[in-house]
Amino acid sequence: MKTQQFLVTLNIPLALEELMVDCLLTFESKHGFSSLAVNAHDHKHQKLSLVEQVSGQQKKIRFQMYINQQDLSLLLDKLTAEFSGSGIQYWVLPVIENGYI
């Protein structure tokens, strides 16, 4: 029977990039993880610079990784312990199918 996998997506402040890489490497699965620069848009202006408030966007780093169901709560607990209060936005989606073509 195939183990249920989930796609975890994290939008993090730029200053936390290296710390997040180190953290996610402890959970690296056979698929590894990806990171990319994104522009986050939000109506809340907390922790935004004046330039970000005017432009309506904030530069962030997005991390995405596949993780097995049994490791999901471990990952979320570790992220909460290490990054509590840091403003990281996350979401978790079930993976229907993945692979390489």
C-alpha atoms as a PDB file:
ATOM      1  CA  MET A   1       0.000   0.000   0.000  1.00  0.00           C
ATOM      2  CA  LYS A   2       1.279   3.420  -0.945  1.00  0.00           C
ATOM      3  CA  THR A   3       1.968   5.918   1.855  1.00  0.00           C
ATOM      4  CA  GLN A   4      -0.085   9.120   1.685  1.00  0.00           C
ATOM      5  CA  GLN A   5       2.040  12.121   0.749  1.00  0.00           C
ATOM      6  CA  PHE A   6       1.428  15.816   1.227  1.00  0.00           C
ATOM      7  CA  LEU A   7       2.793  18.941  -0.415  1.00  0.00           C
ATOM      8  CA  VAL A   8       3.908  21.449   2.216  1.00  0.00           C
ATOM      9  CA  THR A   9       4.276  25.057   1.065  1.00  0.00           C
ATOM     10  CA  LEU A  10       5.927  27.725   3.208  1.00  0.00           C
ATOM     11  CA  ASN A  11       6.174  31.470   2.493  1.00  0.00           C
ATOM     12  CA  ILE A  12       8.939  32.836   4.697  1.00  0.00           C
ATOM     13  CA  PRO A  13      10.652  36.180   5.289  1.00  0.00           C
ATOM     14  CA  LEU A  14      13.885  36.565   3.295  1.00  0.00           C
ATOM     15  CA  ALA A  15      15.985  36.755   6.462  1.00  0.00           C
ATOM     16  CA  LEU A  16      15.034  33.183   7.410  1.00  0.00           C
ATOM     17  CA  GLU A  17      16.112  31.495   4.179  1.00  0.00           C
ATOM     18  CA  GLU A  18      19.324  29.847   5.424  1.00  0.00           C
ATOM     19  CA  LEU A  19      17.750  28.734   8.708  1.00  0.00           C
ATOM     20  CA  MET A  20      14.843  27.183   6.810  1.00  0.00           C
ATOM     21  CA  VAL A  21      17.163  25.349   4.425  1.00  0.00           C
ATOM     22  CA  ASP A  22      18.977  23.832   7.406  1.00  0.00           C
ATOM     23  CA  CYS A  23      15.682  22.857   9.030  1.00  0.00           C
ATOM     24  CA  LEU A  24      14.179  21.269   5.915  1.00  0.00           C
ATOM     25  CA  LEU A  25      17.340  19.298   5.166  1.00  0.00           C
ATOM     26  CA  THR A  26      16.599  17.279   8.307  1.00  0.00           C
ATOM     27  CA  PHE A  27      13.309  16.205   6.668  1.00  0.00           C
ATOM     28  CA  GLU A  28      14.560  15.805   3.129  1.00  0.00           C
ATOM     29  CA  SER A  29      12.634  13.084   1.369  1.00  0.00           C
ATOM     30  CA  LYS A  30      13.513  11.257  -1.808  1.00  0.00           C
ATOM     31  CA  HIS A  31      12.055  14.223  -3.684  1.00  0.00           C
ATOM     32  CA  GLY A  32      14.097  16.888  -1.877  1.00  0.00           C
ATOM     33  CA  PHE A  33      12.560  20.351  -1.760  1.00  0.00           C
ATOM     34  CA  SER A  34      12.353  23.460  -3.891  1.00  0.00           C
ATOM     35  CA  SER A  35      12.687  27.144  -3.133  1.00  0.00           C
ATOM     36  CA  LEU A  36      11.858  30.199  -5.171  1.00  0.00           C
ATOM     37  CA  ALA A  37      11.444  33.924  -4.744  1.00  0.00           C
ATOM     38  CA  VAL A  38       7.828  35.122  -4.635  1.00  0.00           C
ATOM     39  CA  ASN A  39       5.932  38.364  -4.230  1.00  0.00           C
ATOM     40  CA  ALA A  40       3.434  37.985  -1.399  1.00  0.00           C
ATOM     41  CA  HIS A  41       0.325  40.171  -1.556  1.00  0.00           C
ATOM     42  CA  ASP A  42      -1.723  40.751   1.559  1.00  0.00           C
ATOM     43  CA  HIS A  43      -4.139  43.405   2.763  1.00  0.00           C
ATOM     44  CA  LYS A  44      -2.461  43.359   6.180  1.00  0.00           C
ATOM     45  CA  HIS A  45       0.359  45.875   6.353  1.00  0.00           C
ATOM     46  CA  GLN A  46       2.019  44.482   9.467  1.00  0.00           C
ATOM     47  CA  LYS A  47       5.796  44.335   9.286  1.00  0.00           C
ATOM     48  CA  LEU A  48       5.833  45.911   5.806  1.00  0.00           C
ATOM     49  CA  SER A  49       8.261  48.663   4.872  1.00  0.00           C
ATOM     50  CA  LEU A  50       6.857  51.878   3.392  1.00  0.00           C
ATOM     51  CA  VAL A  51       7.939  50.762  -0.098  1.00  0.00           C
ATOM     52  CA  GLU A  52       6.195  47.408   0.383  1.00  0.00           C
ATOM     53  CA  GLN A  53       3.032  49.152   1.583  1.00  0.00           C
ATOM     54  CA  VAL A  54       2.985  51.376  -1.506  1.00  0.00           C
ATOM     55  CA  SER A  55       3.698  48.522  -3.936  1.00  0.00           C
ATOM     56  CA  GLY A  56       1.269  46.178  -2.191  1.00  0.00           C
ATOM     57  CA  GLN A  57       3.727  43.297  -2.161  1.00  0.00           C
ATOM     58  CA  GLN A  58       6.493  41.841  -0.070  1.00  0.00           C
ATOM     59  CA  LYS A  59       9.414  39.719  -1.236  1.00  0.00           C
ATOM     60  CA  LYS A  60       9.444  36.276   0.358  1.00  0.00           C
ATOM     61  CA  ILE A  61      10.961  32.869  -0.238  1.00  0.00           C
ATOM     62  CA  ARG A  62       8.647  29.930  -0.947  1.00  0.00           C
ATOM     63  CA  PHE A  63       9.677  26.422  -0.012  1.00  0.00           C
ATOM     64  CA  GLN A  64       7.811  23.363  -1.229  1.00  0.00           C
ATOM     65  CA  MET A  65       8.393  19.744  -0.360  1.00  0.00           C
ATOM     66  CA  TYR A  66       6.639  16.402  -0.453  1.00  0.00           C
ATOM     67  CA  ILE A  67       6.420  14.676   2.900  1.00  0.00           C
ATOM     68  CA  ASN A  68       4.942  11.388   4.061  1.00  0.00           C
ATOM     69  CA  GLN A  69       1.939  11.450   6.354  1.00  0.00           C
ATOM     70  CA  GLN A  70       3.901   9.999   9.295  1.00  0.00           C
ATOM     71  CA  ASP A  71       6.465  12.837   9.067  1.00  0.00           C
ATOM     72  CA  LEU A  72       4.000  15.710   8.589  1.00  0.00           C
ATOM     73  CA  SER A  73       3.235  16.377  12.261  1.00  0.00           C
ATOM     74  CA  LEU A  74       6.952  16.059  13.107  1.00  0.00           C
ATOM     75  CA  LEU A  75       7.777  18.721  10.520  1.00  0.00           C
ATOM     76  CA  LEU A  76       5.016  21.092  11.668  1.00  0.00           C
ATOM     77  CA  ASP A  77       6.039  20.647  15.312  1.00  0.00           C
ATOM     78  CA  LYS A  78       9.688  21.383  14.456  1.00  0.00           C
ATOM     79  CA  LEU A  79       8.736  24.479  12.430  1.00  0.00           C
ATOM     80  CA  THR A  80       6.555  25.730  15.292  1.00  0.00           C
ATOM     81  CA  ALA A  81       9.340  25.177  17.835  1.00  0.00           C
ATOM     82  CA  GLU A  82      12.067  26.835  15.740  1.00  0.00           C
ATOM     83  CA  PHE A  83      10.123  29.639  14.026  1.00  0.00           C
ATOM     84  CA  SER A  84       7.258  30.558  16.377  1.00  0.00           C
ATOM     85  CA  GLY A  85       6.155  34.162  15.880  1.00  0.00           C
ATOM     86  CA  SER A  86       8.198  34.649  12.698  1.00  0.00           C
ATOM     87  CA  GLY A  87       5.216  35.208  10.394  1.00  0.00           C
ATOM     88  CA  ILE A  88       5.674  32.105   8.252  1.00  0.00           C
ATOM     89  CA  GLN A  89       2.582  31.282   6.238  1.00  0.00           C
ATOM     90  CA  TYR A  90       2.084  27.615   5.368  1.00  0.00           C
ATOM     91  CA  TRP A  91      -0.393  25.275   3.784  1.00  0.00           C
ATOM     92  CA  VAL A  92      -0.582  21.519   3.325  1.00  0.00           C
ATOM     93  CA  LEU A  93      -2.257  19.756   0.408  1.00  0.00           C
ATOM     94  CA  PRO A  94      -2.742  16.039  -0.209  1.00  0.00           C
ATOM     95  CA  VAL A  95      -0.842  14.761  -3.236  1.00  0.00           C
ATOM     96  CA  ILE A  96      -2.943  12.753  -5.663  1.00  0.00           C
ATOM     97  CA  GLU A  97      -0.052  11.801  -7.902  1.00  0.00           C
ATOM     98  CA  ASN A  98       3.586  12.711  -8.460  1.00  0.00           C
ATOM     99  CA  GLY A  99       6.572  11.369 -10.309  1.00  0.00           C
ATOM    100  CA  TYR A 100       9.019  12.105 -13.082  1.00  0.00           C
ATOM    101  CA  ILE A 101       8.344  12.245 -16.808  1.00  0.00           C
END
